Amino acid sequence: MKLKSIALAATLVTAGIATLPAPAVAQEANEQFFPLLVYRTGAYAPNGTPWANGKQDYVKYINATGGINGVKIAYEECETGYATDKGVECYERLKGKKATLIDPQATGITFALTDKAPVDKIPLITLGYGLAASQDGGVFKWNFPLMGSYWTAADALIQHLGKKEGGLDKLKGKKIALVYHDSPFGKEPIPLLQKRAQMHRFELVLLPVTAPGVEQKATWLQVRQQRPDYTLLWGWGVMNSTALKEAVATGYPREKLFGVWWSGAEPDVKDVGANAKG
């Protein structure tokens, strides 16, 4: 989970703030309050827990080394379970403590808070997730996407496949499947991929997976029937390990399977064993 620790570091440095070593309610003159929305419970806990631990560890480290320009960060965790409604509840409860910023830690929660942030004047920091259209700061003035959006990720994947084929023009007539988490997170790359399909004249096959993604047999039977030249995996949590197992079971070539950056962490491959190699 090193990527997630680095992402947190980018958040704090960008915000120009620092921390206290324990949760705090009152905000003093030499500190700023940073709510930590986390999900240590539910279907996504195996991924969410190390992410939450990384956040806390980095905050404690910053405070232990004097803060940022002498400013410490007060923080408090709020459990969302990766549920949008709980995320909004956390936001409403913690924003009154003079929150400096909010890291929703879920695309669905980001969507729900995007209209609230301009009213409350609290920046939303999203690191490699969230609302891709918020890259237009002229429209979304309180959303701050860092480390790329899901449109960035989808575009990078298509560019890579074009290189493999010898040029983007060589994608004409190819079939590319998107196996995606049926949620705001999973749906985010679709507009970009549809535009790329139109530009380069490849066929895009959309295969949603109902959250949390533990049942995918029907999805991978469709992959076997459709026989796409490439498959993009837009998964999170248990969906990823399940997808890898089903891909192996249906004989789909691993060298034709490409995942977004949330599809290859330790929890995703641990239960798959040797079949995850390659």
Protein backbone atom coordinates (compact mmCIF):
# COMPACT_ATOMS: atom_id res chain seq x y z
CA MET A 1 0.00 0.00 0.00
CA LYS A 2 2.96 2.34 -0.52
CA LEU A 3 1.05 4.17 -3.26
CA LYS A 4 -1.66 5.12 -0.83
CA SER A 5 0.83 6.44 1.74
CA ILE A 6 2.43 8.54 -0.99
CA ALA A 7 -1.00 9.78 -2.01
CA LEU A 8 -1.71 10.92 1.54
CA ALA A 9 1.62 12.71 1.66
CA ALA A 10 0.68 14.58 -1.50
CA THR A 11 -2.61 15.60 0.08
CA LEU A 12 -1.01 17.03 3.19
CA VAL A 13 1.80 18.80 1.39
CA THR A 14 -0.61 20.29 -1.14
CA ALA A 15 -2.90 21.50 1.62
CA GLY A 16 0.07 22.93 3.53
CA ILE A 17 -1.11 21.60 6.90
CA ALA A 18 0.05 19.30 9.77
CA THR A 19 -1.20 17.03 12.65
CA LEU A 20 -1.71 16.10 16.30
CA PRO A 21 -0.89 12.54 17.44
CA ALA A 22 -4.43 11.81 18.68
CA PRO A 23 -7.99 12.66 17.64
CA ALA A 24 -8.94 16.16 18.71
CA VAL A 25 -12.20 18.07 18.90
CA ALA A 26 -11.15 21.62 19.64
CA GLN A 27 -9.12 23.46 17.06
CA GLU A 28 -6.33 25.66 18.40
CA ALA A 29 -4.68 28.57 16.66
CA ASN A 30 -1.61 26.54 15.66
CA GLU A 31 -3.47 23.54 14.23
CA GLN A 32 -5.87 22.64 11.47
CA PHE A 33 -8.51 19.93 11.54
CA PHE A 34 -8.39 17.12 9.02
CA PRO A 35 -11.32 14.62 9.04
CA LEU A 36 -10.21 11.12 8.08
CA LEU A 37 -13.04 9.34 6.25
CA VAL A 38 -12.17 5.64 6.32
CA TYR A 39 -13.68 2.22 5.77
CA ARG A 40 -12.28 -0.38 8.13
CA THR A 41 -15.49 -2.42 7.96
CA GLY A 42 -17.52 -4.04 5.22
CA ALA A 43 -16.62 -5.71 1.94
CA TYR A 44 -13.82 -3.26 1.16
CA ALA A 45 -12.09 -3.34 4.56
CA PRO A 46 -9.09 -5.40 3.29
CA ASN A 47 -8.18 -2.45 1.07
CA GLY A 48 -9.57 0.34 3.21
CA THR A 49 -7.84 -0.64 6.45
CA PRO A 50 -4.23 -0.30 5.24
CA TRP A 51 -5.20 2.94 3.50
CA ALA A 52 -6.65 4.25 6.79
CA ASN A 53 -3.56 3.09 8.69
CA GLY A 54 -1.34 4.91 6.20
CA LYS A 55 -3.27 8.12 6.70
CA GLN A 56 -2.96 7.97 10.48
CA ASP A 57 0.73 7.02 10.39
CA TYR A 58 1.61 9.88 8.08
CA VAL A 59 -0.36 12.40 10.12
CA LYS A 60 1.39 11.24 13.30
CA TYR A 61 4.77 11.44 11.59
CA ILE A 62 4.16 15.02 10.44
CA ASN A 63 3.12 16.06 13.95
CA ALA A 64 6.07 14.28 15.54
CA THR A 65 8.49 16.22 13.34
CA GLY A 66 7.03 19.61 14.23
CA GLY A 67 4.15 19.91 11.80
CA ILE A 68 4.24 21.96 8.62
CA ASN A 69 5.69 25.41 9.32
CA GLY A 70 4.82 24.77 12.96
CA VAL A 71 1.17 23.99 12.28
CA LYS A 72 -0.08 20.67 13.64
CA ILE A 73 -3.02 18.64 12.28
CA ALA A 74 -5.86 17.63 14.53
CA TYR A 75 -7.74 14.65 13.12
CA GLU A 76 -10.66 12.36 13.74
CA GLU A 77 -11.63 9.17 11.92
CA CYS A 78 -15.16 8.56 10.72
CA GLU A 79 -16.21 5.13 9.47
CA THR A 80 -18.12 5.09 6.16
CA GLY A 81 -18.03 1.41 5.24
CA TYR A 82 -17.55 2.76 1.66
CA ALA A 83 -21.25 3.74 1.75
CA THR A 84 -22.21 7.10 0.27
CA ASP A 85 -24.91 7.88 2.84
CA LYS A 86 -22.54 7.21 5.73
CA GLY A 87 -19.88 9.32 4.03
CA VAL A 88 -22.29 12.26 3.85
CA GLU A 89 -23.16 11.75 7.53
CA CYS A 90 -19.45 11.87 8.41
CA TYR A 91 -19.04 15.06 6.40
CA GLU A 92 -21.99 16.77 8.04
CA ARG A 93 -20.84 15.76 11.52
CA LEU A 94 -17.21 16.80 11.11
CA LYS A 95 -17.42 19.90 8.92
CA GLY A 96 -18.51 21.96 11.92
CA LYS A 97 -15.15 21.36 13.56
CA LYS A 98 -13.64 23.81 11.05
CA ALA A 99 -12.41 21.15 8.66
CA THR A 100 -9.56 22.37 6.47
CA LEU A 101 -10.36 19.88 3.71
CA ILE A 102 -12.15 16.61 3.05
CA ASP A 103 -10.66 13.49 1.45
CA PRO A 104 -13.88 11.49 0.77
CA GLN A 105 -11.93 8.29 -0.02
CA ALA A 106 -14.71 7.09 -2.33
CA THR A 107 -15.99 8.26 -5.70
CA GLY A 108 -19.64 7.93 -4.68
CA ILE A 109 -19.08 10.11 -1.61
CA THR A 110 -17.20 12.62 -3.76
CA PHE A 111 -20.20 12.89 -6.09
CA ALA A 112 -22.51 13.48 -3.13
CA LEU A 113 -20.28 16.19 -1.64
CA THR A 114 -19.44 18.07 -4.83
CA ASP A 115 -22.49 20.33 -4.53
CA LYS A 116 -21.96 20.82 -0.80
CA ALA A 117 -18.31 21.87 -0.95
CA PRO A 118 -18.86 25.28 -2.64
CA VAL A 119 -21.58 26.15 -0.12
CA ASP A 120 -19.47 25.15 2.90
CA LYS A 121 -16.23 26.35 1.27
CA ILE A 122 -14.37 23.16 2.16
CA PRO A 123 -12.01 21.79 -0.52
CA LEU A 124 -12.49 18.18 -1.66
CA ILE A 125 -9.15 16.46 -2.24
CA THR A 126 -9.34 13.31 -4.39
CA LEU A 127 -6.21 11.28 -5.07
CA GLY A 128 -6.46 9.11 -8.14
CA TYR A 129 -10.25 8.80 -7.82
CA GLY A 130 -13.38 10.93 -7.74
CA LEU A 131 -15.14 13.08 -10.33
CA ALA A 132 -13.00 13.15 -13.48
CA ALA A 133 -14.77 16.22 -14.86
CA SER A 134 -13.55 18.19 -11.83
CA GLN A 135 -10.22 18.60 -13.59
CA ASP A 136 -11.91 21.70 -15.01
CA GLY A 137 -11.31 24.02 -12.07
CA GLY A 138 -13.28 26.77 -13.74
CA VAL A 139 -16.44 24.74 -13.15
CA PHE A 140 -15.57 22.67 -10.08
CA LYS A 141 -13.75 25.28 -8.03
CA TRP A 142 -13.77 23.32 -4.75
CA ASN A 143 -12.68 19.92 -6.14
CA PHE A 144 -8.95 19.27 -6.29
CA PRO A 145 -8.08 16.00 -8.10
CA LEU A 146 -4.47 14.91 -7.58
CA MET A 147 -2.40 12.16 -9.24
CA GLY A 148 -4.75 11.83 -12.19
CA SER A 149 -8.44 11.04 -12.62
CA TYR A 150 -10.20 7.95 -13.97
CA TRP A 151 -10.29 9.58 -17.39
CA THR A 152 -6.51 9.84 -17.12
CA ALA A 153 -6.32 6.16 -16.23
CA ALA A 154 -8.63 5.03 -19.05
CA ASP A 155 -6.77 7.15 -21.57
CA ALA A 156 -3.41 5.74 -20.44
CA LEU A 157 -4.73 2.20 -20.91
CA ILE A 158 -5.97 2.89 -24.44
CA GLN A 159 -2.69 4.63 -25.32
CA HIS A 160 -0.82 1.55 -24.04
CA LEU A 161 -2.95 -0.85 -26.04
CA GLY A 162 -2.40 1.32 -29.10
CA LYS A 163 1.36 1.04 -28.60
CA LYS A 164 1.11 -2.73 -28.25
CA GLU A 165 -0.72 -2.90 -31.58
CA GLY A 166 1.73 -0.58 -33.34
CA GLY A 167 -0.40 2.56 -33.28
CA LEU A 168 -3.82 3.77 -32.20
CA ASP A 169 -5.07 3.31 -35.76
CA LYS A 170 -4.42 -0.42 -35.34
CA LEU A 171 -7.19 -0.59 -32.74
CA LYS A 172 -9.74 -0.35 -35.56
CA GLY A 173 -11.90 -3.47 -35.58
CA LYS A 174 -10.60 -4.65 -32.19
CA LYS A 175 -12.92 -5.52 -29.34
CA ILE A 176 -12.15 -4.12 -25.87
CA ALA A 177 -14.22 -5.18 -22.86
CA LEU A 178 -14.62 -3.17 -19.66
CA VAL A 179 -15.40 -5.31 -16.60
CA TYR A 180 -16.37 -2.66 -14.09
CA HIS A 181 -17.64 -2.19 -10.55
CA ASP A 182 -21.28 -1.13 -10.98
CA SER A 183 -20.92 2.08 -8.97
CA PRO A 184 -19.89 5.70 -9.61
CA PHE A 185 -16.26 4.54 -9.38
CA GLY A 186 -16.69 1.88 -12.04
CA LYS A 187 -18.77 4.03 -14.38
CA GLU A 188 -16.37 7.00 -14.42
CA PRO A 189 -14.15 5.78 -17.32
CA ILE A 190 -17.06 4.92 -19.63
CA PRO A 191 -17.47 8.36 -21.33
CA LEU A 192 -13.74 8.51 -22.11
CA LEU A 193 -13.69 4.95 -23.45
CA GLN A 194 -16.77 5.58 -25.57
CA LYS A 195 -15.10 8.63 -27.07
CA ARG A 196 -11.91 6.67 -27.76
CA ALA A 197 -13.96 3.87 -29.34
CA GLN A 198 -15.56 6.41 -31.65
CA MET A 199 -12.19 7.97 -32.54
CA HIS A 200 -10.32 4.72 -33.18
CA ARG A 201 -13.26 2.59 -34.30
CA PHE A 202 -12.90 -0.27 -31.88
CA GLU A 203 -15.85 -2.05 -30.27
CA LEU A 204 -16.39 -1.35 -26.58
CA VAL A 205 -18.16 -4.06 -24.56
CA LEU A 206 -19.49 -2.95 -21.17
CA LEU A 207 -19.80 -5.65 -18.49
CA PRO A 208 -20.98 -4.35 -15.09
CA VAL A 209 -20.34 -6.34 -11.93
CA THR A 210 -22.77 -5.89 -9.04
CA ALA A 211 -21.02 -4.67 -5.90
CA PRO A 212 -19.19 -5.97 -3.98
CA GLY A 213 -18.27 -8.32 -6.82
CA VAL A 214 -18.11 -11.78 -5.27
CA GLU A 215 -20.28 -13.29 -8.02
CA GLN A 216 -18.81 -12.91 -11.50
CA LYS A 217 -19.30 -16.25 -13.22
CA ALA A 218 -21.89 -14.85 -15.62
CA THR A 219 -19.64 -11.88 -16.42
CA TRP A 220 -16.66 -14.04 -17.36
CA LEU A 221 -18.85 -16.39 -19.37
CA GLN A 222 -19.74 -13.29 -21.39
CA VAL A 223 -16.04 -12.52 -21.75
CA ARG A 224 -15.48 -16.04 -23.06
CA GLN A 225 -18.38 -15.68 -25.50
CA GLN A 226 -17.41 -12.20 -26.66
CA ARG A 227 -13.69 -13.09 -26.94
CA PRO A 228 -12.42 -9.50 -26.59
CA ASP A 229 -8.92 -8.70 -27.79
CA TYR A 230 -8.32 -6.94 -24.48
CA THR A 231 -10.18 -6.65 -21.18
CA LEU A 232 -9.92 -3.71 -18.80
CA LEU A 233 -10.59 -4.51 -15.14
CA TRP A 234 -12.07 -1.60 -13.19
CA GLY A 235 -12.35 -3.28 -9.83
CA TRP A 236 -12.04 -2.58 -6.14
CA GLY A 237 -11.79 -4.81 -3.11
CA VAL A 238 -12.92 -8.42 -3.35
CA MET A 239 -14.03 -7.84 -6.94
CA ASN A 240 -10.40 -7.93 -8.08
CA SER A 241 -9.36 -11.28 -6.64
CA THR A 242 -12.67 -12.78 -7.80
CA ALA A 243 -12.11 -11.43 -11.32
CA LEU A 244 -8.61 -12.91 -11.49
CA LYS A 245 -9.87 -16.30 -10.34
CA GLU A 246 -12.71 -16.29 -12.87
CA ALA A 247 -10.41 -15.13 -15.68
CA VAL A 248 -8.13 -18.09 -14.98
CA ALA A 249 -11.11 -20.46 -14.71
CA THR A 250 -12.43 -19.37 -18.13
CA GLY A 251 -8.98 -19.47 -19.71
CA TYR A 252 -8.76 -15.78 -20.48
CA PRO A 253 -5.10 -14.88 -21.25
CA ARG A 254 -3.54 -12.85 -18.47
CA GLU A 255 -1.46 -10.84 -20.91
CA LYS A 256 -4.72 -9.42 -22.33
CA LEU A 257 -6.08 -8.30 -18.96
CA PHE A 258 -5.24 -4.76 -17.79
CA GLY A 259 -6.40 -3.14 -14.56
CA VAL A 260 -6.87 0.39 -13.26
CA TRP A 261 -4.46 1.35 -10.45
CA TRP A 262 -6.84 0.02 -7.77
CA SER A 263 -6.70 -3.47 -9.28
CA GLY A 264 -3.30 -4.75 -8.27
CA ALA A 265 -2.60 -4.22 -4.57
CA GLU A 266 -1.51 -6.96 -2.18
CA PRO A 267 -5.05 -7.84 -0.97
CA ASP A 268 -6.15 -8.24 -4.60
CA VAL A 269 -3.63 -10.93 -5.48
CA LYS A 270 -2.94 -12.60 -2.13
CA ASP A 271 -5.82 -15.08 -2.36
CA VAL A 272 -5.20 -15.82 -6.04
CA GLY A 273 -1.71 -17.20 -5.47
CA ALA A 274 0.35 -18.34 -8.45
CA ASN A 275 -2.52 -17.62 -10.82
CA ALA A 276 -2.00 -13.90 -10.21
CA LYS A 277 1.48 -13.96 -11.75
CA GLY A 278 1.72 -12.30 -15.12
